[in-house]
Amino acid sequence: MKLLYPLFCLAFMISLPLKSQVYVSDLGNGQYQNPILHADYSDPDVTRVGDDFFMVSSSFNCAPGLPVLHSKDLVNWTIINHVIPTLIPEETFDQPQHGNGIWAPSIRFYGGWYYVYYGDPDFGIYMIRTQDPWGAWEKPVLVRAAKGWIDACPLWDDDGNAYLVHAFAGSRAANKSILVIHKMSKDGTRLLDDGVLVFDGHKDHPTIEGPKLYKRNGYYYIFAPGGGVAEGWQTVLRSKNIYGPYEDRIVLAQGGTDINGPHQGALVELKNGENWFIHFQEKQPYGRIVHMQPAFWKDDWIVMGQDKDGDGKGEPVMKWKKPDVGATHPIQVPQTSDEFNEPKLGLQWQWHGNPQPLWIFPTNLGFLRMNPVILDSNTKNLWDVSNLLLQKMPAESFTTTTKLTFHHQNDSEEVGLIVMGRDYAYVSLKREGDQLFLRVAECPDAEKGTPEKELSKTPINQNTVYLRLSVAAGGQCRFSYSTDNKQFMDAGPAFKAREGKWIGAKLGLFSIRDTHINDGGYTDIDWFRFSN
């Protein structure tokens, strides 16, 4: 029994965390299921460095920006960092800039440096680099100021020359569906010319964008999605000359599957020569969730997913054998629950604009302190508010519960649990006069400035409460609350989550007030937990 007891305890400790996860891709039998991430990691790009894989994705207006995820096997991922703590120009992104900011990044490793390039559709193409992806990244370098230049990706050629490919946002550039390549300085900090048009997708691949540039067997390849986010496909271009002309082929499409718009992502080659393609699928209101397809080369063309009829155009798979990385690694998922036991904020959290120091105080005392922020007099609803502490929806269905203690002092102070998107809803505690109320409110078409609607307001005589959000398939949401974490009572009617601008619906916490008082109340958030 002395031998069996520790083995039993070890097995229990390994299995226990998995039960608390709401979505796991690794099936534990040598296979994985798609999506590998049922969360809004839009426009993913991945690079392999030795035995490690690093992923970045679009983060738009959310701060900190550009999450960095790490994996040892392409299936199990955790968040390890953010490339940029506050978005620039800071004076612009101190206020919510829905749908703006960081679009479609790329990540590459060259000469001992990790490089991330991204396009900001209003300011131009930026580069940020580091020698330690877990550590600090250098300040962003504006490679080229421009309007509507997006989706940038570099390539350092065999001779050391550097190039950059990018697309255009028609909303700013008044031109789209074309790809341009520039010669770039070898240090990756500036473009050396105004670019060469290498492909026009108007005829066969409308809205071609998101290009990734590779070289193999003497061919230059541009992987680029066409056809639009929801209904599109993955196009591959190839040429013996980096400036073309390029041949084009559709290599991945929805076919007879339920995976719409399978495109825009990263080709990854393992040490053993295996190839894998990581891409997104738009699944509103959850955003752009991440899939992975097996891939192989045939006659110097890549084939992705299952090519059942052998025509070179594959369909997405739902289950497949895991990548052969030569070892078995622990099952992991991106962080979700937070006990707030460390004096720093968990990496899963982002604000809707650049954060300010007084919004929250992490502690080493087992809670996160959140302070109510004074609303600007021009604020129409919470769409205009930056101090929303949010994270991505991590699964199709789940429950999240938070325990908080509201130390209210003045009239109008409020703290709540929110589902945020183009429509939003929340359950909150609010001080009105000398009374504390539990409120439920919703705001349809928030981006149009629609006023909130108060759905219910119930007096409550306890300042420590448990607020809960239950999400069912399709983003069907229902709030509830409890005073003892045992019996939960419904709070308001069901609510259907709706995506934000280029992002999925997000959930989290907020705290606000109407006026400046010499001293104010605060809320101590004990924990924020996800469960099935």
Protein backbone atom coordinates (compact mmCIF):
# COMPACT_ATOMS: atom_id res chain seq x y z
CA MET A 1 0.00 0.00 0.00
CA LYS A 2 2.94 2.37 0.57
CA LEU A 3 3.68 2.19 -3.17
CA LEU A 4 0.09 2.37 -4.39
CA TYR A 5 -0.88 5.34 -2.25
CA PRO A 6 1.57 7.87 -3.77
CA LEU A 7 0.76 6.59 -7.27
CA PHE A 8 -2.94 7.12 -6.60
CA CYS A 9 -2.28 10.62 -5.28
CA LEU A 10 -0.16 11.47 -8.33
CA ALA A 11 -2.91 10.28 -10.69
CA PHE A 12 -5.46 12.30 -8.72
CA MET A 13 -3.35 15.47 -8.90
CA ILE A 14 -2.85 15.07 -12.65
CA SER A 15 -6.53 14.50 -13.43
CA LEU A 16 -8.01 17.07 -11.04
CA PRO A 17 -7.01 20.25 -12.94
CA LEU A 18 -8.40 18.83 -16.17
CA LYS A 19 -11.85 18.47 -14.64
CA SER A 20 -11.87 22.20 -13.94
CA GLN A 21 -11.11 23.06 -17.57
CA VAL A 22 -14.12 23.86 -19.73
CA TYR A 23 -12.50 22.86 -23.04
CA VAL A 24 -9.55 20.55 -23.75
CA SER A 25 -8.31 19.71 -27.24
CA ASP A 26 -5.94 16.91 -26.22
CA LEU A 27 -8.02 13.72 -26.05
CA GLY A 28 -5.39 11.93 -23.97
CA ASN A 29 -5.17 8.98 -26.37
CA GLY A 30 -2.62 10.33 -28.84
CA GLN A 31 -5.26 12.31 -30.74
CA TYR A 32 -6.56 15.87 -30.60
CA GLN A 33 -9.89 17.44 -31.50
CA ASN A 34 -10.53 20.68 -33.31
CA PRO A 35 -10.62 23.44 -32.44
CA ILE A 36 -7.32 23.34 -30.57
CA LEU A 37 -8.39 26.61 -28.90
CA HIS A 38 -12.10 27.31 -28.56
CA ALA A 39 -11.36 30.96 -27.91
CA ASP A 40 -10.88 34.15 -29.89
CA TYR A 41 -7.21 34.00 -30.87
CA SER A 42 -7.84 35.71 -34.18
CA ASP A 43 -5.44 35.57 -37.15
CA PRO A 44 -2.97 33.22 -35.44
CA ASP A 45 0.66 32.94 -36.48
CA VAL A 46 3.15 30.43 -35.09
CA THR A 47 6.89 29.89 -35.21
CA ARG A 48 8.97 26.93 -34.01
CA VAL A 49 12.27 27.52 -32.22
CA GLY A 50 13.91 24.21 -31.34
CA ASP A 51 11.36 22.23 -29.35
CA ASP A 52 9.18 25.25 -28.56
CA PHE A 53 6.25 26.76 -30.43
CA PHE A 54 5.12 30.36 -30.02
CA MET A 55 1.80 31.81 -31.18
CA VAL A 56 0.65 35.41 -31.52
CA SER A 57 -2.76 36.69 -32.57
CA SER A 58 -4.68 39.89 -33.25
CA SER A 59 -5.71 41.84 -30.17
CA PHE A 60 -7.15 45.00 -31.80
CA ASN A 61 -7.92 47.63 -29.12
CA CYS A 62 -7.40 45.38 -26.09
CA ALA A 63 -4.52 46.03 -23.68
CA PRO A 64 -2.08 44.58 -22.97
CA GLY A 65 -1.79 43.71 -26.64
CA LEU A 66 -0.48 40.81 -28.70
CA PRO A 67 -0.77 37.78 -26.40
CA VAL A 68 2.06 35.26 -26.71
CA LEU A 69 1.11 31.59 -26.26
CA HIS A 70 3.57 28.73 -25.85
CA SER A 71 3.30 25.02 -26.62
CA LYS A 72 5.52 21.97 -26.82
CA ASP A 73 3.26 19.98 -29.15
CA LEU A 74 0.99 22.47 -31.02
CA VAL A 75 -2.06 21.12 -29.15
CA ASN A 76 -1.55 22.23 -25.54
CA TRP A 77 -1.09 25.98 -25.14
CA THR A 78 -0.67 28.49 -22.30
CA ILE A 79 -0.37 32.28 -22.29
CA ILE A 80 3.18 33.31 -21.35
CA ASN A 81 3.33 37.03 -22.10
CA HIS A 82 2.07 40.04 -24.03
CA VAL A 83 4.28 41.78 -26.57
CA ILE A 84 3.05 45.31 -25.85
CA PRO A 85 1.79 46.50 -22.42
CA THR A 86 0.03 49.62 -23.75
CA LEU A 87 -1.00 50.41 -27.30
CA ILE A 88 0.52 53.30 -29.22
CA PRO A 89 -0.04 56.14 -29.75
CA GLU A 90 -1.02 56.04 -26.09
CA GLU A 91 -3.17 59.17 -26.24
CA THR A 92 -5.29 57.48 -28.92
CA PHE A 93 -5.69 54.11 -27.22
CA ASP A 94 -6.35 55.50 -23.75
CA GLN A 95 -9.94 55.50 -25.02
CA PRO A 96 -11.64 52.43 -26.53
CA GLN A 97 -10.86 52.11 -30.25
CA HIS A 98 -13.14 49.22 -31.12
CA GLY A 99 -11.90 47.29 -34.15
CA ASN A 100 -8.74 49.39 -34.47
CA GLY A 101 -5.23 48.75 -33.20
CA ILE A 102 -3.34 45.51 -33.69
CA TRP A 103 -4.31 43.53 -36.80
CA ALA A 104 -3.01 40.14 -37.98
CA PRO A 105 0.51 39.87 -36.55
CA SER A 106 3.30 37.57 -37.69
CA ILE A 107 6.09 36.07 -35.59
CA ARG A 108 9.49 34.93 -36.85
CA PHE A 109 12.81 33.91 -35.29
CA TYR A 110 15.95 35.13 -37.02
CA GLY A 111 19.51 35.76 -35.86
CA GLY A 112 18.71 35.06 -32.22
CA TRP A 113 15.75 37.46 -32.15
CA TYR A 114 12.01 36.92 -32.04
CA TYR A 115 10.33 39.43 -34.35
CA VAL A 116 6.65 40.36 -34.33
CA TYR A 117 5.22 42.52 -37.11
CA TYR A 118 1.71 43.90 -37.17
CA GLY A 119 -0.30 46.44 -39.10
CA ASP A 120 -2.28 49.18 -37.46
CA PRO A 121 -4.73 50.26 -40.18
CA ASP A 122 -4.57 53.91 -39.07
CA PHE A 123 -0.87 54.35 -38.31
CA GLY A 124 1.21 51.85 -40.28
CA ILE A 125 3.36 48.76 -39.88
CA TYR A 126 5.19 48.14 -36.60
CA MET A 127 7.94 45.73 -35.54
CA ILE A 128 8.72 44.61 -31.99
CA ARG A 129 11.47 42.18 -31.01
CA THR A 130 13.01 40.32 -28.08
CA GLN A 131 15.56 37.63 -27.34
CA ASP A 132 13.37 36.19 -24.58
CA PRO A 133 9.65 35.69 -25.38
CA TRP A 134 8.93 35.24 -21.66
CA GLY A 135 10.63 38.54 -20.83
CA ALA A 136 10.43 42.16 -21.88
CA TRP A 137 9.97 43.09 -25.54
CA GLU A 138 11.58 46.17 -26.99
CA LYS A 139 9.52 49.25 -27.80
CA PRO A 140 7.64 49.16 -31.12
CA VAL A 141 9.44 50.46 -34.20
CA LEU A 142 7.32 52.13 -36.88
CA VAL A 143 8.65 50.40 -39.99
CA ARG A 144 6.48 52.52 -42.28
CA ALA A 145 3.82 55.08 -41.49
CA ALA A 146 0.83 54.46 -43.74
CA LYS A 147 -2.97 54.32 -43.87
CA GLY A 148 -4.54 50.94 -44.54
CA TRP A 149 -1.35 48.85 -44.64
CA ILE A 150 -2.13 45.65 -42.73
CA ASP A 151 -1.21 42.00 -42.19
CA ALA A 152 2.58 42.32 -42.46
CA CYS A 153 4.95 39.34 -42.60
CA PRO A 154 8.77 39.32 -43.06
CA LEU A 155 11.14 36.90 -44.78
CA TRP A 156 14.90 36.79 -44.44
CA ASP A 157 16.16 35.10 -47.60
CA ASP A 158 19.05 32.66 -47.91
CA ASP A 159 21.40 35.52 -48.83
CA GLY A 160 20.40 37.58 -45.78
CA ASN A 161 18.25 40.04 -47.69
CA ALA A 162 14.98 40.89 -45.99
CA TYR A 163 11.51 41.36 -47.48
CA LEU A 164 8.08 42.25 -46.19
CA VAL A 165 4.69 41.30 -47.65
CA HIS A 166 1.43 42.96 -46.63
CA ALA A 167 -2.18 43.56 -47.65
CA PHE A 168 -4.47 46.59 -47.65
CA ALA A 169 -7.60 47.57 -45.73
CA GLY A 170 -10.03 49.11 -48.20
CA SER A 171 -11.68 51.10 -45.39
CA ARG A 172 -8.52 53.21 -45.08
CA ALA A 173 -6.52 52.68 -48.27
CA ALA A 174 -9.52 52.74 -50.67
CA ASN A 175 -7.90 49.66 -52.20
CA LYS A 176 -7.86 45.99 -51.22
CA SER A 177 -7.51 42.42 -52.56
CA ILE A 178 -3.89 42.96 -53.58
CA LEU A 179 -0.57 41.87 -52.06
CA VAL A 180 2.65 43.92 -52.16
CA ILE A 181 6.24 42.95 -51.33
CA HIS A 182 8.94 45.40 -50.21
CA LYS A 183 12.68 45.12 -49.83
CA MET A 184 13.46 45.70 -46.15
CA SER A 185 16.60 46.61 -44.22
CA LYS A 186 18.37 43.55 -42.88
CA ASP A 187 17.69 44.61 -39.31
CA GLY A 188 13.96 44.66 -40.09
CA THR A 189 13.42 48.25 -38.99
CA ARG A 190 12.54 50.05 -42.26
CA LEU A 191 11.33 49.48 -45.80
CA LEU A 192 13.72 50.30 -48.62
CA ASP A 193 11.16 50.92 -51.38
CA ASP A 194 7.49 51.62 -52.03
CA GLY A 195 6.71 48.02 -52.89
CA VAL A 196 6.01 45.74 -55.85
CA LEU A 197 2.53 44.45 -56.63
CA VAL A 198 2.88 40.67 -56.70
CA PHE A 199 -0.73 39.44 -56.74
CA ASP A 200 -4.20 40.77 -57.53
CA GLY A 201 -6.98 38.66 -56.04
CA HIS A 202 -9.98 40.57 -57.36
CA LYS A 203 -10.93 37.97 -59.97
CA ASP A 204 -10.47 34.62 -58.24
CA HIS A 205 -9.63 35.44 -54.58
CA PRO A 206 -11.54 38.58 -53.54
CA THR A 207 -10.50 40.17 -50.25
CA ILE A 208 -7.16 38.39 -50.33
CA GLU A 209 -5.28 39.41 -47.19
CA GLY A 210 -3.38 38.00 -44.19
CA PRO A 211 -0.32 36.91 -46.23
CA LYS A 212 2.45 34.74 -44.76
CA LEU A 213 5.73 34.49 -46.69
CA TYR A 214 7.85 31.31 -46.81
CA LYS A 215 10.62 29.79 -48.92
CA ARG A 216 11.09 26.08 -49.70
CA ASN A 217 12.88 24.09 -52.40
CA GLY A 218 13.66 27.24 -54.38
CA TYR A 219 10.03 28.44 -54.38
CA TYR A 220 8.69 31.51 -52.63
CA TYR A 221 5.25 30.85 -51.15
CA ILE A 222 2.60 33.28 -50.01
CA PHE A 223 -0.17 31.74 -47.92
CA ALA A 224 -3.15 34.10 -47.99
CA PRO A 225 -6.89 33.74 -47.27
CA GLY A 226 -9.39 34.75 -49.92
CA GLY A 227 -13.14 35.09 -50.08
CA GLY A 228 -13.75 36.84 -46.78
CA VAL A 229 -13.65 35.88 -43.12
CA ALA A 230 -16.86 33.86 -42.80
CA GLU A 231 -17.07 32.11 -46.17
CA GLY A 232 -13.50 32.13 -47.47
CA TRP A 233 -10.73 29.65 -48.20
CA GLN A 234 -6.98 29.28 -47.93
CA THR A 235 -5.04 30.27 -51.04
CA VAL A 236 -1.40 29.43 -51.66
CA LEU A 237 0.75 31.29 -54.21
CA ARG A 238 4.14 30.13 -55.45
CA SER A 239 6.90 31.51 -57.64
CA LYS A 240 10.61 31.02 -58.28
CA ASN A 241 11.00 34.81 -58.07
CA ILE A 242 9.97 36.66 -54.94
CA TYR A 243 8.34 39.34 -57.09
CA GLY A 244 6.37 36.79 -59.13
CA PRO A 245 4.55 36.03 -61.26
CA TYR A 246 2.80 33.71 -58.81
CA GLU A 247 0.70 30.64 -59.52
CA ASP A 248 -2.32 30.29 -57.24
CA ARG A 249 -4.20 27.34 -55.82
CA ILE A 250 -6.93 26.86 -53.20
CA VAL A 251 -5.58 24.29 -50.76
CA LEU A 252 -8.18 24.32 -47.95
CA ALA A 253 -11.93 25.01 -48.05
CA GLN A 254 -15.02 24.16 -46.04
CA GLY A 255 -16.21 21.43 -48.40
CA GLY A 256 -18.75 19.19 -46.75
CA THR A 257 -17.75 20.14 -43.19
CA ASP A 258 -19.21 22.57 -40.68
CA ILE A 259 -15.95 24.53 -40.49
CA ASN A 260 -16.72 27.75 -42.34
CA GLY A 261 -14.04 30.06 -43.69
CA PRO A 262 -11.06 27.85 -42.79
CA HIS A 263 -8.09 30.11 -43.47
CA GLN A 264 -5.44 32.62 -42.33
CA GLY A 265 -2.77 31.19 -40.16
CA ALA A 266 0.61 29.53 -39.93
CA LEU A 267 2.49 26.70 -41.60
CA VAL A 268 4.71 24.94 -39.07
CA GLU A 269 7.34 22.31 -39.87
CA LEU A 270 8.49 19.93 -37.13
CA LYS A 271 12.00 18.59 -36.67
CA ASN A 272 10.93 15.28 -38.23
CA GLY A 273 9.58 17.02 -41.34
CA GLU A 274 5.88 16.86 -40.45
CA ASN A 275 3.86 19.91 -41.49
CA TRP A 276 0.84 21.44 -39.78
CA PHE A 277 -1.38 24.40 -40.59
CA ILE A 278 -2.94 26.44 -37.78
CA HIS A 279 -5.84 28.69 -38.79
CA PHE A 280 -9.05 30.24 -37.51
CA GLN A 281 -12.75 29.70 -37.99
CA GLU A 282 -15.22 32.50 -37.37
CA LYS A 283 -17.74 31.28 -34.81
CA GLN A 284 -19.77 34.19 -33.55
CA PRO A 285 -20.33 35.15 -30.82
CA TYR A 286 -17.19 33.29 -29.67
CA GLY A 287 -14.95 35.08 -32.17
CA ARG A 288 -12.30 33.43 -34.32
CA ILE A 289 -11.45 30.08 -32.78
CA VAL A 290 -8.30 28.14 -33.70
CA HIS A 291 -8.02 24.85 -35.63
CA MET A 292 -5.06 22.77 -36.76
CA GLN A 293 -4.84 20.71 -39.97
CA PRO A 294 -2.32 18.04 -40.92
CA ALA A 295 -0.45 19.14 -44.05
CA PHE A 296 1.93 17.55 -46.51
CA TRP A 297 3.81 18.53 -49.64
CA LYS A 298 3.02 17.05 -53.04
CA ASP A 299 4.79 18.29 -56.18
CA ASP A 300 5.89 21.42 -54.27
CA TRP A 301 2.29 22.31 -53.36
CA ILE A 302 1.02 22.07 -49.80
CA VAL A 303 -2.10 19.95 -49.15
CA MET A 304 -4.06 20.63 -45.95
CA GLY A 305 -6.59 18.60 -44.00
CA GLN A 306 -8.18 15.64 -45.76
CA ASP A 307 -7.99 15.65 -49.55
CA LYS A 308 -10.58 12.94 -50.19
CA ASP A 309 -10.70 13.26 -53.98
CA GLY A 310 -7.01 14.02 -54.50
CA ASP A 311 -7.55 17.37 -56.23
CA GLY A 312 -5.19 19.23 -53.90
CA LYS A 313 -8.00 21.04 -52.05
CA GLY A 314 -8.43 19.66 -48.55
CA GLU A 315 -11.23 19.84 -46.00
CA PRO A 316 -10.82 20.45 -42.26
CA VAL A 317 -10.52 17.47 -39.92
CA MET A 318 -12.28 17.25 -36.57
CA LYS A 319 -10.00 14.65 -34.96
CA TRP A 320 -6.46 13.59 -35.86
CA LYS A 321 -3.31 12.09 -34.52
CA LYS A 322 -1.29 14.60 -32.53
CA PRO A 323 1.93 16.02 -34.02
CA ASP A 324 4.94 13.76 -33.49
CA VAL A 325 7.26 15.95 -31.45
CA GLY A 326 9.18 12.99 -30.01
CA ALA A 327 7.72 13.24 -26.50
CA THR A 328 4.46 13.39 -24.60
CA HIS A 329 3.68 16.65 -22.86
CA PRO A 330 1.16 17.57 -20.14
CA ILE A 331 -2.33 18.64 -21.09
CA GLN A 332 -2.59 22.42 -20.78
CA VAL A 333 -5.03 25.15 -21.76
CA PRO A 334 -4.81 28.96 -21.76
CA GLN A 335 -5.46 30.44 -18.34
CA THR A 336 -9.04 31.28 -17.39
CA SER A 337 -9.83 31.04 -13.66
CA ASP A 338 -8.00 33.41 -11.34
CA GLU A 339 -7.73 33.10 -7.57
CA PHE A 340 -6.03 36.52 -7.31
CA ASN A 341 -3.48 35.06 -4.91
CA GLU A 342 -0.47 36.71 -6.55
CA PRO A 343 0.46 40.39 -6.60
CA LYS A 344 -0.03 40.59 -10.35
CA LEU A 345 -2.91 40.27 -12.77
CA GLY A 346 -3.34 36.98 -14.63
CA LEU A 347 -2.28 36.98 -18.28
CA GLN A 348 -5.80 36.07 -19.43
CA TRP A 349 -7.07 39.55 -18.56
CA GLN A 350 -7.18 42.54 -20.92
CA TRP A 351 -8.69 46.01 -20.73
CA HIS A 352 -10.73 47.68 -23.48
CA GLY A 353 -8.21 50.54 -23.59
CA ASN A 354 -4.83 51.38 -22.11
CA PRO A 355 -5.04 50.80 -18.34
CA GLN A 356 -4.48 53.38 -15.63
CA PRO A 357 -2.78 52.54 -12.30
CA LEU A 358 -5.73 53.40 -10.04
CA TRP A 359 -8.20 51.06 -11.73
CA ILE A 360 -7.07 47.97 -9.83
CA PHE A 361 -4.51 46.95 -7.24
CA PRO A 362 -3.29 43.34 -7.24
CA THR A 363 -2.37 42.20 -3.75
CA ASN A 364 -0.56 39.42 -1.96
CA LEU A 365 -3.57 39.13 0.35
CA GLY A 366 -5.75 36.79 -1.69
CA PHE A 367 -7.88 39.31 -3.54
CA LEU A 368 -7.85 41.85 -6.35
CA ARG A 369 -8.91 45.35 -5.38
CA MET A 370 -11.01 47.16 -7.99
CA ASN A 371 -11.80 50.85 -7.70
CA PRO A 372 -14.80 52.60 -9.28
CA VAL A 373 -13.76 54.83 -12.18
CA ILE A 374 -15.55 58.12 -12.76
CA LEU A 375 -17.55 58.07 -15.98
CA ASP A 376 -16.91 60.83 -18.47
CA SER A 377 -19.92 63.10 -18.90
CA ASN A 378 -20.03 62.18 -22.60
CA THR A 379 -20.24 58.44 -21.93
CA LYS A 380 -23.35 57.04 -23.63
CA ASN A 381 -22.95 53.48 -22.31
CA LEU A 382 -20.17 51.03 -21.40
CA TRP A 383 -19.08 50.74 -25.06
CA ASP A 384 -17.30 54.04 -24.39
CA VAL A 385 -15.51 52.79 -21.25
CA SER A 386 -11.91 51.52 -21.10
CA ASN A 387 -11.90 50.09 -17.57
CA LEU A 388 -13.60 46.82 -18.49
CA LEU A 389 -11.43 43.97 -17.19
CA LEU A 390 -12.29 41.17 -19.60
CA GLN A 391 -11.20 37.83 -21.00
CA LYS A 392 -12.19 35.58 -23.88
CA MET A 393 -14.96 33.01 -23.85
CA PRO A 394 -13.04 29.72 -23.49
CA ALA A 395 -15.64 27.17 -24.66
CA GLU A 396 -19.03 26.82 -26.27
CA SER A 397 -20.72 26.28 -22.92
CA PHE A 398 -19.43 26.99 -19.44
CA THR A 399 -20.18 28.68 -16.13
CA THR A 400 -18.16 31.40 -14.47
CA THR A 401 -18.66 32.52 -10.88
CA THR A 402 -16.97 35.32 -8.98
CA LYS A 403 -16.95 36.12 -5.28
CA LEU A 404 -16.69 39.80 -4.38
CA THR A 405 -17.10 42.09 -1.41
CA PHE A 406 -18.34 45.58 -2.24
CA HIS A 407 -17.10 48.19 0.25
CA HIS A 408 -19.35 50.96 -1.04
CA GLN A 409 -19.19 54.42 0.48
CA ASN A 410 -20.99 56.84 -1.82
CA ASP A 411 -23.98 57.13 -4.08
CA SER A 412 -23.64 55.76 -7.68
CA GLU A 413 -20.75 53.39 -6.95
CA GLU A 414 -21.24 50.14 -8.87
CA VAL A 415 -19.44 46.86 -9.56
CA GLY A 416 -20.60 44.10 -11.87
CA LEU A 417 -20.10 40.99 -13.97
CA ILE A 418 -20.54 41.75 -17.67
CA VAL A 419 -20.79 40.08 -21.09
CA MET A 420 -19.46 42.68 -23.52
CA GLY A 421 -20.00 43.01 -27.25
CA ARG A 422 -22.02 45.01 -29.74
CA ASP A 423 -24.84 44.12 -27.36
CA TYR A 424 -24.00 43.72 -23.69
CA ALA A 425 -25.61 42.79 -20.40
CA TYR A 426 -24.54 42.65 -16.78
CA VAL A 427 -25.51 41.93 -13.20
CA SER A 428 -24.20 44.39 -10.63
CA LEU A 429 -24.26 45.81 -7.13
CA LYS A 430 -25.00 49.54 -7.00
CA ARG A 431 -25.24 52.02 -4.14
CA GLU A 432 -28.21 54.36 -4.49
CA GLY A 433 -28.75 56.66 -1.54
CA ASP A 434 -28.19 54.55 1.55
CA GLN A 435 -29.40 51.32 -0.07
CA LEU A 436 -27.49 48.64 -1.95
CA PHE A 437 -29.25 47.13 -4.96
CA LEU A 438 -28.65 44.14 -7.19
CA ARG A 439 -29.24 45.35 -10.75
CA VAL A 440 -29.57 43.66 -14.13
CA ALA A 441 -29.16 45.78 -17.25
CA GLU A 442 -28.71 45.27 -20.97
CA CYS A 443 -27.73 47.44 -23.91
CA PRO A 444 -28.61 46.36 -27.45
CA ASP A 445 -26.64 48.02 -30.27
CA ALA A 446 -24.23 49.54 -27.79
CA GLU A 447 -21.86 50.76 -30.51
CA LYS A 448 -24.64 53.02 -31.83
CA GLY A 449 -24.86 54.84 -28.51
CA THR A 450 -28.08 53.16 -27.35
CA PRO A 451 -28.85 53.88 -23.68
CA GLU A 452 -28.83 50.98 -21.24
CA LYS A 453 -32.09 49.40 -20.12
CA GLU A 454 -32.47 48.49 -16.46
CA LEU A 455 -34.28 45.14 -16.38
CA SER A 456 -34.52 44.68 -12.62
CA LYS A 457 -33.40 46.25 -9.35
CA THR A 458 -33.64 44.33 -6.08
CA PRO A 459 -32.64 45.63 -2.62
CA ILE A 460 -29.91 43.52 -1.07
CA ASN A 461 -28.58 43.74 2.48
CA GLN A 462 -25.31 41.85 2.03
CA ASN A 463 -22.19 43.27 0.43
CA THR A 464 -20.44 39.91 -0.12
CA VAL A 465 -22.10 38.15 -3.05
CA TYR A 466 -21.43 35.52 -5.67
CA LEU A 467 -22.24 36.57 -9.23
CA ARG A 468 -22.61 33.88 -11.87
CA LEU A 469 -22.81 33.72 -15.64
CA SER A 470 -23.92 30.52 -17.37
CA VAL A 471 -23.30 30.26 -21.11
CA ALA A 472 -24.96 27.62 -23.30
CA ALA A 473 -24.39 26.69 -26.95
CA GLY A 474 -24.79 29.61 -29.33
CA GLY A 475 -23.82 32.12 -26.66
CA GLN A 476 -27.08 31.91 -24.70
CA CYS A 477 -26.35 33.58 -21.38
CA ARG A 478 -28.08 33.75 -18.04
CA PHE A 479 -27.01 35.62 -14.90
CA SER A 480 -27.65 34.53 -11.33
CA TYR A 481 -26.46 35.44 -7.84
CA SER A 482 -26.08 33.96 -4.40
CA THR A 483 -25.30 35.11 -0.89
CA ASP A 484 -23.87 31.76 0.23
CA ASN A 485 -22.44 30.14 -2.97
CA LYS A 486 -24.98 27.35 -2.56
CA GLN A 487 -28.37 28.57 -3.67
CA PHE A 488 -28.32 30.73 -6.81
CA MET A 489 -31.25 32.84 -7.93
CA ASP A 490 -31.85 33.93 -11.52
CA ALA A 491 -31.07 37.55 -12.26
CA GLY A 492 -32.90 38.88 -15.27
CA PRO A 493 -33.95 37.13 -18.50
CA ALA A 494 -31.74 35.11 -20.83
CA PHE A 495 -29.40 37.13 -23.03
CA LYS A 496 -27.69 36.15 -26.29
CA ALA A 497 -24.06 37.21 -26.42
CA ARG A 498 -23.01 39.17 -29.47
CA GLU A 499 -19.53 39.64 -30.86
CA GLY A 500 -17.64 42.92 -30.60
CA LYS A 501 -15.95 44.70 -33.48
CA TRP A 502 -13.61 42.07 -35.04
CA ILE A 503 -13.52 40.24 -31.70
CA GLY A 504 -15.73 37.73 -29.94
CA ALA A 505 -17.88 38.60 -26.96
CA LYS A 506 -15.84 38.90 -23.78
CA LEU A 507 -16.71 38.60 -20.12
CA GLY A 508 -15.38 40.02 -16.91
CA LEU A 509 -15.65 42.81 -14.38
CA PHE A 510 -16.22 46.55 -14.22
CA SER A 511 -16.56 49.21 -11.55
CA ILE A 512 -17.83 52.78 -12.11
CA ARG A 513 -19.24 55.85 -10.39
CA ASP A 514 -20.72 59.17 -11.50
CA THR A 515 -18.83 61.82 -9.56
CA HIS A 516 -15.49 62.59 -7.94
CA ILE A 517 -15.49 62.18 -4.16
CA ASN A 518 -12.49 62.84 -1.90
CA ASP A 519 -12.49 59.16 -0.94
CA GLY A 520 -14.44 56.37 -2.52
CA GLY A 521 -15.54 52.81 -2.12
CA TYR A 522 -13.86 49.74 -3.57
CA THR A 523 -14.44 46.07 -4.28
CA ASP A 524 -12.27 43.13 -3.26
CA ILE A 525 -12.56 40.34 -5.82
CA ASP A 526 -11.80 37.08 -4.02
CA TRP A 527 -11.76 34.81 -7.08
CA PHE A 528 -13.07 34.34 -10.61
CA ARG A 529 -13.67 30.68 -11.54
CA PHE A 530 -14.77 28.73 -14.61
CA SER A 531 -16.51 25.37 -14.53
CA ASN A 532 -18.50 23.09 -16.82
